[in-house]
N, C-alpha and C. Protein backbone atom coordinates (compact mmCIF):
# COMPACT_ATOMS: atom_id res chain seq x y z
N MET A 1 117.19 52.40 117.53
CA MET A 1 118.87 52.87 117.66
C MET A 1 118.62 53.75 118.35
N ASN A 2 119.54 53.86 119.07
CA ASN A 2 120.30 55.44 120.43
C ASN A 2 121.30 56.22 119.35
N THR A 3 120.93 57.14 119.67
CA THR A 3 122.03 58.59 118.81
C THR A 3 122.90 58.68 120.30
N PRO A 4 124.71 58.81 119.74
CA PRO A 4 124.86 59.08 120.97
C PRO A 4 125.02 60.13 121.44
N PRO A 5 125.08 60.81 122.99
CA PRO A 5 125.10 61.71 123.49
C PRO A 5 125.27 63.17 122.87
N GLY A 6 126.63 62.94 122.37
CA GLY A 6 127.35 64.43 121.62
C GLY A 6 128.54 64.13 122.70
N LYS A 7 129.84 65.75 122.07
CA LYS A 7 131.07 65.45 122.68
C LYS A 7 130.54 67.33 123.48
N GLY A 8 131.18 67.72 123.93
CA GLY A 8 131.79 68.89 124.73
C GLY A 8 130.78 69.45 125.25
N LEU A 9 129.39 70.67 124.54
CA LEU A 9 128.60 71.49 125.09
C LEU A 9 127.57 70.96 124.53
N ASP A 10 127.75 69.96 123.03
CA ASP A 10 126.93 69.58 122.14
C ASP A 10 125.90 68.46 122.83
N ARG A 11 124.76 68.41 122.44
CA ARG A 11 123.86 67.24 122.89
C ARG A 11 123.36 66.84 122.20
N ARG A 12 122.24 65.40 121.96
CA ARG A 12 121.53 64.63 120.78
C ARG A 12 121.27 64.01 121.65
N LEU A 13 119.76 64.22 121.76
CA LEU A 13 118.94 63.39 123.31
C LEU A 13 117.74 62.56 122.33
N ASP A 14 117.36 62.13 122.90
CA ASP A 14 116.00 61.26 122.25
C ASP A 14 115.11 61.40 123.09
N TRP A 15 113.47 62.00 122.96
CA TRP A 15 112.77 62.81 124.07
C TRP A 15 111.34 61.76 123.79
N ARG A 16 110.68 62.02 124.82
CA ARG A 16 108.98 60.96 124.81
C ARG A 16 108.58 61.58 125.78
N ASP A 17 107.47 62.09 125.29
CA ASP A 17 106.58 62.37 126.23
C ASP A 17 104.84 62.02 126.00
N MET A 18 103.65 62.53 126.66
CA MET A 18 102.40 61.72 126.08
C MET A 18 101.96 61.71 124.82
N TYR A 19 102.59 62.22 124.28
CA TYR A 19 102.34 62.89 122.38
C TYR A 19 103.81 62.11 121.48
N GLY A 20 104.45 61.56 122.41
CA GLY A 20 105.29 61.06 121.33
C GLY A 20 106.63 61.28 121.37
N THR A 21 107.41 60.88 120.65
CA THR A 21 108.60 61.22 120.95
C THR A 21 109.42 61.48 119.67
N GLY A 22 111.21 61.88 119.89
CA GLY A 22 111.49 62.42 118.61
C GLY A 22 112.84 63.13 119.06
N LYS A 23 113.91 63.46 118.69
CA LYS A 23 114.98 63.82 119.11
C LYS A 23 115.87 65.49 119.09
N LEU A 24 115.80 66.13 120.20
CA LEU A 24 116.68 67.67 120.56
C LEU A 24 118.11 67.33 119.83
N PHE A 25 118.25 67.95 119.84
CA PHE A 25 119.68 68.43 119.47
C PHE A 25 119.79 70.73 120.35
N ILE A 26 121.26 70.11 121.39
CA ILE A 26 120.82 71.54 121.66
C ILE A 26 122.62 71.74 122.07
N THR A 27 123.08 72.98 122.31
CA THR A 27 124.48 73.56 122.25
C THR A 27 124.51 73.96 123.98
N ILE A 28 125.08 74.04 124.75
CA ILE A 28 124.69 74.36 125.95
C ILE A 28 126.26 75.46 125.87
N ARG A 29 126.31 76.25 126.71
CA ARG A 29 126.71 77.68 127.03
C ARG A 29 127.96 76.90 127.41
N ARG A 30 128.79 77.92 126.89
CA ARG A 30 129.84 77.87 127.54
C ARG A 30 129.70 77.79 129.68
N ASP A 31 129.29 78.76 129.98
CA ASP A 31 129.22 79.37 130.91
C ASP A 31 128.34 78.37 131.90
N TYR A 32 127.35 78.02 131.03
CA TYR A 32 126.38 76.79 131.42
C TYR A 32 125.52 78.11 132.07
N SER A 33 124.91 79.24 131.74
CA SER A 33 123.65 79.73 131.83
C SER A 33 122.89 79.57 130.80
N GLY A 34 122.70 78.40 129.70
CA GLY A 34 121.60 78.54 129.49
C GLY A 34 121.90 77.41 128.39
N PHE A 35 120.75 77.16 127.02
CA PHE A 35 121.22 76.12 125.88
C PHE A 35 120.25 77.10 124.59
N THR A 36 121.11 76.65 123.93
CA THR A 36 119.46 76.95 122.35
C THR A 36 119.69 75.69 121.38
N GLY A 37 118.97 75.51 120.62
CA GLY A 37 119.00 74.51 119.91
C GLY A 37 117.80 73.84 119.44
N LYS A 38 117.23 72.94 118.85
CA LYS A 38 116.08 72.44 117.66
C LYS A 38 115.60 71.21 118.10
N TRP A 39 114.35 70.64 118.36
CA TRP A 39 113.72 69.56 118.52
C TRP A 39 113.17 68.91 117.19
N GLN A 40 112.53 67.65 117.44
CA GLN A 40 111.46 67.61 115.93
C GLN A 40 111.09 66.15 116.75
N ASP A 41 109.58 66.24 115.95
CA ASP A 41 109.31 64.99 116.38
C ASP A 41 109.29 63.56 115.33
N GLN A 42 108.84 62.54 115.94
CA GLN A 42 109.23 61.46 115.08
C GLN A 42 108.67 61.64 113.90
N THR A 43 108.56 62.34 113.16
CA THR A 43 108.05 62.35 112.01
C THR A 43 109.17 63.08 111.19
N GLY A 44 110.01 63.67 111.87
CA GLY A 44 111.14 64.21 111.71
C GLY A 44 111.05 66.01 111.31
N SER A 45 110.07 66.37 111.08
CA SER A 45 109.62 67.64 110.47
C SER A 45 108.69 68.17 111.73
N PRO A 46 108.26 69.46 111.84
CA PRO A 46 109.59 70.39 111.50
C PRO A 46 110.90 70.42 112.58
N ASN A 47 111.36 71.52 112.28
CA ASN A 47 112.45 71.47 113.21
C ASN A 47 112.60 72.75 114.03
N GLU A 48 111.72 72.60 115.24
CA GLU A 48 111.58 73.99 115.79
C GLU A 48 112.56 74.56 116.64
N LEU A 49 112.60 75.47 117.12
CA LEU A 49 113.81 76.00 118.27
C LEU A 49 113.37 76.09 119.41
N TRP A 50 114.43 75.49 120.07
CA TRP A 50 114.06 75.82 121.64
C TRP A 50 115.14 76.03 122.29
N ASP A 51 114.93 77.25 122.92
CA ASP A 51 116.03 77.70 124.27
C ASP A 51 116.17 77.69 125.67
N GLY A 52 116.98 78.27 126.13
CA GLY A 52 116.51 77.99 127.89
C GLY A 52 117.45 78.93 128.76
N VAL A 53 117.40 79.45 129.64
CA VAL A 53 118.22 79.96 130.57
C VAL A 53 118.22 79.32 131.94
N ARG A 54 119.21 79.16 132.67
CA ARG A 54 118.99 79.06 134.26
C ARG A 54 118.65 79.69 134.96
N CYS A 55 117.21 79.74 135.74
CA CYS A 55 116.63 80.07 136.87
C CYS A 55 117.49 81.00 137.97
């Protein structure tokens, strides 16, 4: 089941890579200079912090 992508600056995304799958929940800064959020793997735990800034 796909998660709705969110509204405004909040996003809920599915991810997949060579190690597994999971969910990503981020909030983009109003000036689009970066984001903060959490991700989790397919087991649903742990919730790991993740953030980024524009290069």
